[in-house]
Amino acid sequence: MSEELTKTKLLPIQGKDMDSIMQNLETGVAELFTSERYQEYLKTMSKFHNYSFNNTLLIAMQRPDATLVTGYRNWQSMGRQVKKGEKGITIIAPAPIKRKKEQAVLDQDQKPVIGPDGKPKTEEVEVTLCTGQVFW
């Protein structure tokens, strides 16, 4: 890690569960479009053309100075080795396992639908995302 990066510039992901990562993404998107960080985002986006919008944003939030980012095995296949003890960047990766999750049913205005019993209706949905690590 370069010495010019301070803890205030690095925005680590708080926790490893998908809900907190999605909350961090929502916060990051709101900050992105309401601050002067948009140019910084576009610069970062140009470096990570193979990553989704969400993953590009996660990379920029955690390591704004990252230039070449790929998974551990890809670095090895290119004859490179990740430094011992190096921390990865958390991104959203496709999951080989599907899980079910209870989620509130929302109307067209994104408000919870209330059932006849006065409680919000829920439905079971499949979650097919997990987190992964990439390195720079």
C-alpha atoms as a PDB file:
ATOM      1  CA  MET A   1       0.000   0.000   0.000  1.00  0.00           C
ATOM      2  CA  SER A   2       1.467   3.391  -0.893  1.00  0.00           C
ATOM      3  CA  GLU A   3       2.136   5.747   1.980  1.00  0.00           C
ATOM      4  CA  GLU A   4       0.238   8.594   0.333  1.00  0.00           C
ATOM      5  CA  LEU A   5      -3.014   6.671   0.756  1.00  0.00           C
ATOM      6  CA  THR A   6      -4.577   7.350   4.099  1.00  0.00           C
ATOM      7  CA  LYS A   7      -7.414   5.559   5.817  1.00  0.00           C
ATOM      8  CA  THR A   8      -9.721   8.423   4.847  1.00  0.00           C
ATOM      9  CA  LYS A   9      -9.103   7.766   1.144  1.00  0.00           C
ATOM     10  CA  LEU A  10      -9.664   4.009   1.383  1.00  0.00           C
ATOM     11  CA  LEU A  11     -13.289   3.021   1.825  1.00  0.00           C
ATOM     12  CA  PRO A  12     -13.274  -0.563   3.122  1.00  0.00           C
ATOM     13  CA  ILE A  13     -16.331  -2.736   2.804  1.00  0.00           C
ATOM     14  CA  GLN A  14     -18.035  -2.927   6.200  1.00  0.00           C
ATOM     15  CA  GLY A  15     -18.697  -6.635   6.773  1.00  0.00           C
ATOM     16  CA  LYS A  16     -18.805  -9.446   4.279  1.00  0.00           C
ATOM     17  CA  ASP A  17     -22.534 -10.105   3.968  1.00  0.00           C
ATOM     18  CA  MET A  18     -24.394  -9.183   0.785  1.00  0.00           C
ATOM     19  CA  ASP A  19     -26.817  -6.783   2.528  1.00  0.00           C
ATOM     20  CA  SER A  20     -24.001  -4.596   3.855  1.00  0.00           C
ATOM     21  CA  ILE A  21     -22.217  -4.681   0.488  1.00  0.00           C
ATOM     22  CA  MET A  22     -25.396  -3.618  -1.301  1.00  0.00           C
ATOM     23  CA  GLN A  23     -25.906  -0.836   1.276  1.00  0.00           C
ATOM     24  CA  ASN A  24     -22.328   0.332   0.646  1.00  0.00           C
ATOM     25  CA  LEU A  25     -23.028   0.322  -3.097  1.00  0.00           C
ATOM     26  CA  GLU A  26     -26.162   2.445  -2.635  1.00  0.00           C
ATOM     27  CA  THR A  27     -24.199   4.900  -0.490  1.00  0.00           C
ATOM     28  CA  GLY A  28     -21.336   4.949  -2.993  1.00  0.00           C
ATOM     29  CA  VAL A  29     -23.679   5.626  -5.929  1.00  0.00           C
ATOM     30  CA  ALA A  30     -25.366   8.462  -4.031  1.00  0.00           C
ATOM     31  CA  GLU A  31     -21.974   9.989  -3.163  1.00  0.00           C
ATOM     32  CA  LEU A  32     -20.720   9.493  -6.703  1.00  0.00           C
ATOM     33  CA  PHE A  33     -23.454  11.489  -8.371  1.00  0.00           C
ATOM     34  CA  THR A  34     -23.697  14.177  -5.671  1.00  0.00           C
ATOM     35  CA  SER A  35     -19.989  14.948  -5.382  1.00  0.00           C
ATOM     36  CA  GLU A  36     -17.031  15.841  -7.548  1.00  0.00           C
ATOM     37  CA  ARG A  37     -15.947  12.194  -7.564  1.00  0.00           C
ATOM     38  CA  TYR A  38     -17.679  11.575 -10.907  1.00  0.00           C
ATOM     39  CA  GLN A  39     -14.494  12.313 -12.896  1.00  0.00           C
ATOM     40  CA  GLU A  40     -12.584   9.999 -10.566  1.00  0.00           C
ATOM     41  CA  TYR A  41     -15.200   7.310 -11.204  1.00  0.00           C
ATOM     42  CA  LEU A  42     -14.950   7.693 -15.002  1.00  0.00           C
ATOM     43  CA  LYS A  43     -11.173   7.420 -14.789  1.00  0.00           C
ATOM     44  CA  THR A  44     -11.511   4.258 -12.698  1.00  0.00           C
ATOM     45  CA  MET A  45     -14.166   2.833 -15.039  1.00  0.00           C
ATOM     46  CA  SER A  46     -11.773   3.102 -17.986  1.00  0.00           C
ATOM     47  CA  LYS A  47      -9.284   0.859 -16.161  1.00  0.00           C
ATOM     48  CA  PHE A  48     -11.790  -1.893 -15.384  1.00  0.00           C
ATOM     49  CA  HIS A  49     -13.735  -2.322 -18.608  1.00  0.00           C
ATOM     50  CA  ASN A  50     -14.395  -6.018 -17.896  1.00  0.00           C
ATOM     51  CA  TYR A  51     -16.173  -5.367 -14.592  1.00  0.00           C
ATOM     52  CA  SER A  52     -19.821  -4.499 -14.028  1.00  0.00           C
ATOM     53  CA  PHE A  53     -20.886  -1.052 -12.850  1.00  0.00           C
ATOM     54  CA  ASN A  54     -21.349  -2.356  -9.295  1.00  0.00           C
ATOM     55  CA  ASN A  55     -17.961  -4.085  -9.203  1.00  0.00           C
ATOM     56  CA  THR A  56     -16.202  -1.071 -10.725  1.00  0.00           C
ATOM     57  CA  LEU A  57     -17.733   1.096  -8.029  1.00  0.00           C
ATOM     58  CA  LEU A  58     -16.691  -1.369  -5.302  1.00  0.00           C
ATOM     59  CA  ILE A  59     -13.123  -1.372  -6.660  1.00  0.00           C
ATOM     60  CA  ALA A  60     -13.010   2.435  -6.766  1.00  0.00           C
ATOM     61  CA  MET A  61     -14.410   2.718  -3.235  1.00  0.00           C
ATOM     62  CA  GLN A  62     -11.888   0.295  -1.754  1.00  0.00           C
ATOM     63  CA  ARG A  63      -8.768   1.036  -3.835  1.00  0.00           C
ATOM     64  CA  PRO A  64      -8.973   4.245  -5.888  1.00  0.00           C
ATOM     65  CA  ASP A  65      -5.318   3.751  -6.916  1.00  0.00           C
ATOM     66  CA  ALA A  66      -5.815   0.227  -8.352  1.00  0.00           C
ATOM     67  CA  THR A  67      -4.766  -0.014 -11.999  1.00  0.00           C
ATOM     68  CA  LEU A  68      -4.763  -3.656 -13.115  1.00  0.00           C
ATOM     69  CA  VAL A  69      -7.256  -5.819 -11.252  1.00  0.00           C
ATOM     70  CA  THR A  70      -7.929  -9.529 -11.665  1.00  0.00           C
ATOM     71  CA  GLY A  71      -8.422 -12.672  -9.617  1.00  0.00           C
ATOM     72  CA  TYR A  72      -5.659 -14.590  -7.871  1.00  0.00           C
ATOM     73  CA  ARG A  73      -5.662 -17.489 -10.358  1.00  0.00           C
ATOM     74  CA  ASN A  74      -5.530 -15.110 -13.334  1.00  0.00           C
ATOM     75  CA  TRP A  75      -2.406 -13.471 -11.919  1.00  0.00           C
ATOM     76  CA  GLN A  76      -0.864 -16.934 -11.505  1.00  0.00           C
ATOM     77  CA  SER A  77      -1.804 -17.953 -15.056  1.00  0.00           C
ATOM     78  CA  MET A  78       0.040 -14.848 -16.307  1.00  0.00           C
ATOM     79  CA  GLY A  79       3.169 -15.904 -14.421  1.00  0.00           C
ATOM     80  CA  ARG A  80       2.627 -13.316 -11.674  1.00  0.00           C
ATOM     81  CA  GLN A  81       2.304 -13.789  -7.922  1.00  0.00           C
ATOM     82  CA  VAL A  82       0.245 -11.747  -5.461  1.00  0.00           C
ATOM     83  CA  LYS A  83       2.410 -10.469  -2.595  1.00  0.00           C
ATOM     84  CA  LYS A  84       2.157 -12.506   0.595  1.00  0.00           C
ATOM     85  CA  GLY A  85      -0.283 -10.897   3.035  1.00  0.00           C
ATOM     86  CA  GLU A  86      -1.851  -8.660   0.374  1.00  0.00           C
ATOM     87  CA  LYS A  87      -5.529  -7.940   1.004  1.00  0.00           C
ATOM     88  CA  GLY A  88      -7.969  -8.474  -1.846  1.00  0.00           C
ATOM     89  CA  ILE A  89     -10.701  -6.132  -3.067  1.00  0.00           C
ATOM     90  CA  THR A  90     -14.194  -7.460  -2.350  1.00  0.00           C
ATOM     91  CA  ILE A  91     -16.485  -7.615  -5.394  1.00  0.00           C
ATOM     92  CA  ILE A  92     -19.770  -9.310  -6.238  1.00  0.00           C
ATOM     93  CA  ALA A  93     -19.210 -12.623  -8.006  1.00  0.00           C
ATOM     94  CA  PRO A  94     -21.615 -15.109  -9.591  1.00  0.00           C
ATOM     95  CA  ALA A  95     -22.469 -17.830  -7.104  1.00  0.00           C
ATOM     96  CA  PRO A  96     -22.569 -21.511  -8.006  1.00  0.00           C
ATOM     97  CA  ILE A  97     -25.086 -22.054  -5.190  1.00  0.00           C
ATOM     98  CA  LYS A  98     -28.550 -20.514  -5.124  1.00  0.00           C
ATOM     99  CA  ARG A  99     -30.095 -19.539  -1.798  1.00  0.00           C
ATOM    100  CA  LYS A 100     -33.599 -18.467  -0.918  1.00  0.00           C
ATOM    101  CA  LYS A 101     -34.309 -15.234   0.948  1.00  0.00           C
ATOM    102  CA  GLU A 102     -37.486 -13.615   2.290  1.00  0.00           C
ATOM    103  CA  GLN A 103     -38.022 -10.214   0.705  1.00  0.00           C
ATOM    104  CA  ALA A 104     -40.785  -7.613   1.053  1.00  0.00           C
ATOM    105  CA  VAL A 105     -43.216  -7.345  -1.879  1.00  0.00           C
ATOM    106  CA  LEU A 106     -43.111  -3.783  -3.276  1.00  0.00           C
ATOM    107  CA  ASP A 107     -45.706  -1.897  -5.319  1.00  0.00           C
ATOM    108  CA  GLN A 108     -44.940   0.316  -8.356  1.00  0.00           C
ATOM    109  CA  ASP A 109     -43.852   3.165  -6.057  1.00  0.00           C
ATOM    110  CA  GLN A 110     -41.382   0.863  -4.246  1.00  0.00           C
ATOM    111  CA  LYS A 111     -43.522   0.857  -1.089  1.00  0.00           C
ATOM    112  CA  PRO A 112     -44.237  -2.386   0.805  1.00  0.00           C
ATOM    113  CA  VAL A 113     -47.535  -4.086  -0.059  1.00  0.00           C
ATOM    114  CA  ILE A 114     -49.630  -4.595   3.080  1.00  0.00           C
ATOM    115  CA  GLY A 115     -51.548  -7.868   3.401  1.00  0.00           C
ATOM    116  CA  PRO A 116     -55.061  -8.340   4.846  1.00  0.00           C
ATOM    117  CA  ASP A 117     -53.511  -9.039   8.249  1.00  0.00           C
ATOM    118  CA  GLY A 118     -51.921  -5.559   8.293  1.00  0.00           C
ATOM    119  CA  LYS A 119     -48.374  -6.879   7.912  1.00  0.00           C
ATOM    120  CA  PRO A 120     -46.115  -6.327   4.891  1.00  0.00           C
ATOM    121  CA  LYS A 121     -46.324  -9.155   2.353  1.00  0.00           C
ATOM    122  CA  THR A 122     -43.140 -11.110   1.688  1.00  0.00           C
ATOM    123  CA  GLU A 123     -42.027 -13.479  -1.018  1.00  0.00           C
ATOM    124  CA  GLU A 124     -39.219 -15.971  -1.283  1.00  0.00           C
ATOM    125  CA  VAL A 125     -36.597 -15.074  -3.895  1.00  0.00           C
ATOM    126  CA  GLU A 126     -33.422 -16.814  -5.042  1.00  0.00           C
ATOM    127  CA  VAL A 127     -30.142 -15.065  -4.309  1.00  0.00           C
ATOM    128  CA  THR A 128     -27.385 -16.071  -6.712  1.00  0.00           C
ATOM    129  CA  LEU A 129     -24.603 -13.647  -5.805  1.00  0.00           C
ATOM    130  CA  CYS A 130     -21.696 -13.969  -3.430  1.00  0.00           C
ATOM    131  CA  THR A 131     -18.566 -11.971  -2.768  1.00  0.00           C
ATOM    132  CA  GLY A 132     -15.158 -12.684  -4.227  1.00  0.00           C
ATOM    133  CA  GLN A 133     -11.675 -11.190  -3.991  1.00  0.00           C
ATOM    134  CA  VAL A 134      -9.607  -9.578  -6.740  1.00  0.00           C
ATOM    135  CA  PHE A 135      -6.089  -8.188  -6.496  1.00  0.00           C
ATOM    136  CA  TRP A 136      -4.232  -5.262  -8.026  1.00  0.00           C
END
